[in-house]
Amino acid sequence: MRINTAVLSLATLLLVACQQGQASNSSEAERLVPPPVVEPIDPVSNPVAAMKARKQQMSVETDLGTLRAEIMALIGEARADNVQQCRVVAFGAKPCGGPASYIALSVKDKNEAQLMSLIGKYNAEMKAENDRLGRMSDCAVVPKPAVVLENGVCTLTKGSGGDMF
C-alpha cells in the first residue's frame, strides 16, 4: 500500500512537471522567434548596404587584432628572474563562456595594472563580438594551466590546452 502511494505520487509529479514546460494553446501565448543577431542583407537587392555591413564587421575584427597585437607586444618574451614574477591569465572568450585560452606573462619591468586592463578589455570585446555575431563553440572548459620558468622565460606547462607564449 505504501509503495502504491509512492508510485502514484511520483507519477502525479511527473505529469505536473511535463505540463509546466508547455505553453498554453491560446494564440496569445504563441512562441515568437527571436530576431537574428546579425540582420541579413541581400547583396543582390542592396549591394551598397551589404558592402557597408561587411566593412563594419571587418573593422571590428581588425580592432581585436590590433588590440591582441598590442598586448602581445607588451608581454614580449615574458622574461623573469623567478616564477613569482610569472602570471597565467585568461585570454579571449568562448561563446559559451569562459576563456578561449591562457597566456603566460611576466610582470618583471612591466606595468601589471595596464597589462591586465588591456587583457580585460580584449576579453570583454571578444565576448561582445561573439554575442553580436551569434558565434557558437564546443563549450568545453579550458583548464587553467600552471606556469614554469624555463631558461628565464615564463612558459605554460605542456599539454595544458593553452597557448604557449
C-alpha atoms as a PDB file:
ATOM      1  CA  MET A   1       0.000   0.000   0.000  1.00  0.00           C
ATOM      2  CA  ARG A   2       2.805   2.341   0.892  1.00  0.00           C
ATOM      3  CA  ILE A   3       4.641   1.584  -2.393  1.00  0.00           C
ATOM      4  CA  ASN A   4       1.458   2.188  -4.412  1.00  0.00           C
ATOM      5  CA  THR A   5       1.035   5.603  -2.787  1.00  0.00           C
ATOM      6  CA  ALA A   6       4.662   6.492  -3.532  1.00  0.00           C
ATOM      7  CA  VAL A   7       4.344   5.394  -7.179  1.00  0.00           C
ATOM      8  CA  LEU A   8       1.080   7.319  -7.587  1.00  0.00           C
ATOM      9  CA  SER A   9       2.658  10.455  -6.057  1.00  0.00           C
ATOM     10  CA  LEU A  10       5.711  10.168  -8.312  1.00  0.00           C
ATOM     11  CA  ALA A  11       3.550   9.712 -11.426  1.00  0.00           C
ATOM     12  CA  THR A  12       1.473  12.767 -10.492  1.00  0.00           C
ATOM     13  CA  LEU A  13       4.594  14.894 -10.008  1.00  0.00           C
ATOM     14  CA  LEU A  14       5.997  13.804 -13.368  1.00  0.00           C
ATOM     15  CA  LEU A  15       2.766  14.679 -15.168  1.00  0.00           C
ATOM     16  CA  VAL A  16       2.587  18.082 -13.480  1.00  0.00           C
ATOM     17  CA  ALA A  17       6.235  18.797 -14.367  1.00  0.00           C
ATOM     18  CA  CYS A  18       5.558  17.950 -18.021  1.00  0.00           C
ATOM     19  CA  GLN A  19       2.586  20.311 -18.114  1.00  0.00           C
ATOM     20  CA  GLN A  20       4.544  23.226 -16.636  1.00  0.00           C
ATOM     21  CA  GLY A  21       7.004  23.244 -19.539  1.00  0.00           C
ATOM     22  CA  GLN A  22       4.274  23.528 -22.183  1.00  0.00           C
ATOM     23  CA  ALA A  23       2.788  26.813 -23.348  1.00  0.00           C
ATOM     24  CA  SER A  24      -0.955  27.273 -23.334  1.00  0.00           C
ATOM     25  CA  ASN A  25      -2.866  26.614 -26.548  1.00  0.00           C
ATOM     26  CA  SER A  26      -4.178  30.155 -26.873  1.00  0.00           C
ATOM     27  CA  SER A  27      -2.973  32.303 -29.770  1.00  0.00           C
ATOM     28  CA  GLU A  28      -1.695  34.946 -27.297  1.00  0.00           C
ATOM     29  CA  ALA A  29       0.912  32.577 -25.891  1.00  0.00           C
ATOM     30  CA  GLU A  30       2.334  31.654 -29.298  1.00  0.00           C
ATOM     31  CA  ARG A  31       6.117  31.433 -29.236  1.00  0.00           C
ATOM     32  CA  LEU A  32       7.935  34.106 -31.179  1.00  0.00           C
ATOM     33  CA  VAL A  33      11.182  33.537 -32.986  1.00  0.00           C
ATOM     34  CA  PRO A  34      13.870  35.905 -31.673  1.00  0.00           C
ATOM     35  CA  PRO A  35      15.285  38.396 -34.162  1.00  0.00           C
ATOM     36  CA  PRO A  36      18.592  37.388 -35.765  1.00  0.00           C
ATOM     37  CA  VAL A  37      21.745  38.661 -34.099  1.00  0.00           C
ATOM     38  CA  VAL A  38      23.054  39.973 -37.413  1.00  0.00           C
ATOM     39  CA  GLU A  39      20.391  41.175 -39.811  1.00  0.00           C
ATOM     40  CA  PRO A  40      20.972  39.552 -43.202  1.00  0.00           C
ATOM     41  CA  ILE A  41      21.399  41.946 -46.098  1.00  0.00           C
ATOM     42  CA  ASP A  42      20.858  40.596 -49.580  1.00  0.00           C
ATOM     43  CA  PRO A  43      23.827  41.728 -51.688  1.00  0.00           C
ATOM     44  CA  VAL A  44      21.823  41.309 -54.898  1.00  0.00           C
ATOM     45  CA  SER A  45      18.985  43.637 -53.912  1.00  0.00           C
ATOM     46  CA  ASN A  46      21.089  46.107 -51.872  1.00  0.00           C
ATOM     47  CA  PRO A  47      24.806  45.816 -52.707  1.00  0.00           C
ATOM     48  CA  VAL A  48      25.769  49.128 -51.088  1.00  0.00           C
ATOM     49  CA  ALA A  49      24.269  48.227 -47.696  1.00  0.00           C
ATOM     50  CA  ALA A  50      25.791  44.738 -47.865  1.00  0.00           C
ATOM     51  CA  MET A  51      29.229  46.196 -48.545  1.00  0.00           C
ATOM     52  CA  LYS A  52      28.889  48.711 -45.686  1.00  0.00           C
ATOM     53  CA  ALA A  53      27.839  45.949 -43.286  1.00  0.00           C
ATOM     54  CA  ARG A  54      30.795  43.808 -44.327  1.00  0.00           C
ATOM     55  CA  LYS A  55      33.250  46.704 -43.897  1.00  0.00           C
ATOM     56  CA  GLN A  56      31.827  47.451 -40.449  1.00  0.00           C
ATOM     57  CA  GLN A  57      32.173  43.803 -39.444  1.00  0.00           C
ATOM     58  CA  MET A  58      35.758  43.711 -40.712  1.00  0.00           C
ATOM     59  CA  SER A  59      36.673  46.887 -38.815  1.00  0.00           C
ATOM     60  CA  VAL A  60      35.575  45.274 -35.537  1.00  0.00           C
ATOM     61  CA  GLU A  61      37.706  42.220 -36.294  1.00  0.00           C
ATOM     62  CA  THR A  62      40.670  44.461 -37.125  1.00  0.00           C
ATOM     63  CA  ASP A  63      40.314  46.304 -33.818  1.00  0.00           C
ATOM     64  CA  LEU A  64      40.520  42.990 -31.922  1.00  0.00           C
ATOM     65  CA  GLY A  65      43.558  42.010 -33.951  1.00  0.00           C
ATOM     66  CA  THR A  66      45.218  45.327 -33.219  1.00  0.00           C
ATOM     67  CA  LEU A  67      44.452  45.044 -29.516  1.00  0.00           C
ATOM     68  CA  ARG A  68      45.793  41.480 -29.440  1.00  0.00           C
ATOM     69  CA  ALA A  69      48.995  42.594 -31.191  1.00  0.00           C
ATOM     70  CA  GLU A  70      49.415  45.438 -28.679  1.00  0.00           C
ATOM     71  CA  ILE A  71      49.017  43.010 -25.751  1.00  0.00           C
ATOM     72  CA  MET A  72      51.462  40.515 -27.248  1.00  0.00           C
ATOM     73  CA  ALA A  73      53.986  43.314 -27.842  1.00  0.00           C
ATOM     74  CA  LEU A  74      53.688  44.415 -24.202  1.00  0.00           C
ATOM     75  CA  ILE A  75      54.116  40.836 -22.968  1.00  0.00           C
ATOM     76  CA  GLY A  76      57.111  40.324 -25.210  1.00  0.00           C
ATOM     77  CA  GLU A  77      59.226  37.299 -24.396  1.00  0.00           C
ATOM     78  CA  ALA A  78      57.896  37.066 -20.804  1.00  0.00           C
ATOM     79  CA  ARG A  79      61.362  37.065 -19.214  1.00  0.00           C
ATOM     80  CA  ALA A  80      61.510  36.705 -15.433  1.00  0.00           C
ATOM     81  CA  ASP A  81      64.070  36.163 -12.661  1.00  0.00           C
ATOM     82  CA  ASN A  82      61.831  33.760 -10.724  1.00  0.00           C
ATOM     83  CA  VAL A  83      58.473  32.038 -11.123  1.00  0.00           C
ATOM     84  CA  GLN A  84      56.804  34.505  -8.707  1.00  0.00           C
ATOM     85  CA  GLN A  85      57.088  37.133 -11.451  1.00  0.00           C
ATOM     86  CA  CYS A  86      55.079  34.906 -13.832  1.00  0.00           C
ATOM     87  CA  ARG A  87      51.304  35.045 -14.250  1.00  0.00           C
ATOM     88  CA  VAL A  88      48.780  32.793 -16.011  1.00  0.00           C
ATOM     89  CA  VAL A  89      45.981  34.916 -17.441  1.00  0.00           C
ATOM     90  CA  ALA A  90      42.735  34.010 -19.218  1.00  0.00           C
ATOM     91  CA  PHE A  91      42.856  35.324 -22.777  1.00  0.00           C
ATOM     92  CA  GLY A  92      39.914  35.648 -25.146  1.00  0.00           C
ATOM     93  CA  ALA A  93      36.360  34.473 -24.614  1.00  0.00           C
ATOM     94  CA  LYS A  94      34.492  31.397 -25.779  1.00  0.00           C
ATOM     95  CA  PRO A  95      30.922  31.961 -26.979  1.00  0.00           C
ATOM     96  CA  CYS A  96      29.592  29.604 -24.295  1.00  0.00           C
ATOM     97  CA  GLY A  97      31.520  31.483 -21.627  1.00  0.00           C
ATOM     98  CA  GLY A  98      34.920  31.129 -20.071  1.00  0.00           C
ATOM     99  CA  PRO A  99      38.346  31.841 -21.521  1.00  0.00           C
ATOM    100  CA  ALA A 100      39.332  30.741 -25.019  1.00  0.00           C
ATOM    101  CA  SER A 101      42.899  30.112 -23.861  1.00  0.00           C
ATOM    102  CA  TYR A 102      45.505  31.147 -21.321  1.00  0.00           C
ATOM    103  CA  ILE A 103      48.744  33.039 -21.744  1.00  0.00           C
ATOM    104  CA  ALA A 104      51.850  33.248 -19.611  1.00  0.00           C
ATOM    105  CA  LEU A 105      53.319  36.650 -18.911  1.00  0.00           C
ATOM    106  CA  SER A 106      55.941  38.222 -16.704  1.00  0.00           C
ATOM    107  CA  VAL A 107      55.385  41.277 -14.524  1.00  0.00           C
ATOM    108  CA  LYS A 108      59.105  41.984 -14.309  1.00  0.00           C
ATOM    109  CA  ASP A 109      59.747  45.540 -15.520  1.00  0.00           C
ATOM    110  CA  LYS A 110      56.126  45.898 -16.707  1.00  0.00           C
ATOM    111  CA  ASN A 111      53.077  47.866 -15.620  1.00  0.00           C
ATOM    112  CA  GLU A 112      50.928  44.938 -14.448  1.00  0.00           C
ATOM    113  CA  ALA A 113      47.778  47.073 -13.965  1.00  0.00           C
ATOM    114  CA  GLN A 114      47.966  48.455 -17.516  1.00  0.00           C
ATOM    115  CA  LEU A 115      48.564  44.988 -18.995  1.00  0.00           C
ATOM    116  CA  MET A 116      45.698  43.406 -17.039  1.00  0.00           C
ATOM    117  CA  SER A 117      43.420  46.279 -18.046  1.00  0.00           C
ATOM    118  CA  LEU A 118      44.202  45.734 -21.738  1.00  0.00           C
ATOM    119  CA  ILE A 119      43.647  41.979 -21.404  1.00  0.00           C
ATOM    120  CA  GLY A 120      40.325  42.622 -19.638  1.00  0.00           C
ATOM    121  CA  LYS A 121      39.296  44.979 -22.450  1.00  0.00           C
ATOM    122  CA  TYR A 122      40.285  42.384 -25.074  1.00  0.00           C
ATOM    123  CA  ASN A 123      38.308  39.651 -23.282  1.00  0.00           C
ATOM    124  CA  ALA A 124      35.220  41.878 -22.994  1.00  0.00           C
ATOM    125  CA  GLU A 125      35.393  42.927 -26.658  1.00  0.00           C
ATOM    126  CA  MET A 126      35.835  39.294 -27.737  1.00  0.00           C
ATOM    127  CA  LYS A 127      32.747  38.332 -25.721  1.00  0.00           C
ATOM    128  CA  ALA A 128      30.759  41.208 -27.247  1.00  0.00           C
ATOM    129  CA  GLU A 129      31.827  40.163 -30.759  1.00  0.00           C
ATOM    130  CA  ASN A 130      30.834  36.555 -30.074  1.00  0.00           C
ATOM    131  CA  ASP A 131      27.404  37.745 -28.919  1.00  0.00           C
ATOM    132  CA  ARG A 132      26.990  40.168 -31.829  1.00  0.00           C
ATOM    133  CA  LEU A 133      27.891  37.560 -34.448  1.00  0.00           C
ATOM    134  CA  GLY A 134      25.959  34.755 -32.772  1.00  0.00           C
ATOM    135  CA  ARG A 135      29.013  32.507 -32.634  1.00  0.00           C
ATOM    136  CA  MET A 136      28.906  29.023 -31.147  1.00  0.00           C
ATOM    137  CA  SER A 137      31.636  26.803 -29.763  1.00  0.00           C
ATOM    138  CA  ASP A 138      32.186  23.363 -28.285  1.00  0.00           C
ATOM    139  CA  CYS A 139      31.560  24.733 -24.761  1.00  0.00           C
ATOM    140  CA  ALA A 140      34.475  22.688 -23.448  1.00  0.00           C
ATOM    141  CA  VAL A 141      36.122  24.073 -20.344  1.00  0.00           C
ATOM    142  CA  VAL A 142      39.722  25.091 -20.966  1.00  0.00           C
ATOM    143  CA  PRO A 143      41.622  24.052 -17.830  1.00  0.00           C
ATOM    144  CA  LYS A 144      43.885  26.661 -16.283  1.00  0.00           C
ATOM    145  CA  PRO A 145      47.480  25.550 -16.814  1.00  0.00           C
ATOM    146  CA  ALA A 146      50.399  26.003 -14.475  1.00  0.00           C
ATOM    147  CA  VAL A 147      53.350  28.203 -15.312  1.00  0.00           C
ATOM    148  CA  VAL A 148      57.007  27.255 -15.086  1.00  0.00           C
ATOM    149  CA  LEU A 149      60.191  29.213 -15.591  1.00  0.00           C
ATOM    150  CA  GLU A 150      62.272  27.684 -18.407  1.00  0.00           C
ATOM    151  CA  ASN A 151      65.561  29.382 -19.267  1.00  0.00           C
ATOM    152  CA  GLY A 152      64.348  32.633 -17.727  1.00  0.00           C
ATOM    153  CA  VAL A 153      61.045  32.689 -19.675  1.00  0.00           C
ATOM    154  CA  CYS A 154      57.560  32.181 -18.199  1.00  0.00           C
ATOM    155  CA  THR A 155      56.043  29.220 -20.030  1.00  0.00           C
ATOM    156  CA  LEU A 156      52.743  27.358 -19.702  1.00  0.00           C
ATOM    157  CA  THR A 157      53.047  23.677 -18.916  1.00  0.00           C
ATOM    158  CA  LYS A 158      52.851  21.479 -21.990  1.00  0.00           C
ATOM    159  CA  GLY A 159      49.578  19.677 -22.712  1.00  0.00           C
ATOM    160  CA  SER A 160      47.659  22.300 -20.782  1.00  0.00           C
ATOM    161  CA  GLY A 161      45.337  23.381 -23.590  1.00  0.00           C
ATOM    162  CA  GLY A 162      46.530  26.993 -23.532  1.00  0.00           C
ATOM    163  CA  ASP A 163      48.633  28.974 -25.969  1.00  0.00           C
ATOM    164  CA  MET A 164      52.348  28.719 -25.411  1.00  0.00           C
ATOM    165  CA  PHE A 165      53.871  32.204 -25.068  1.00  0.00           C
END
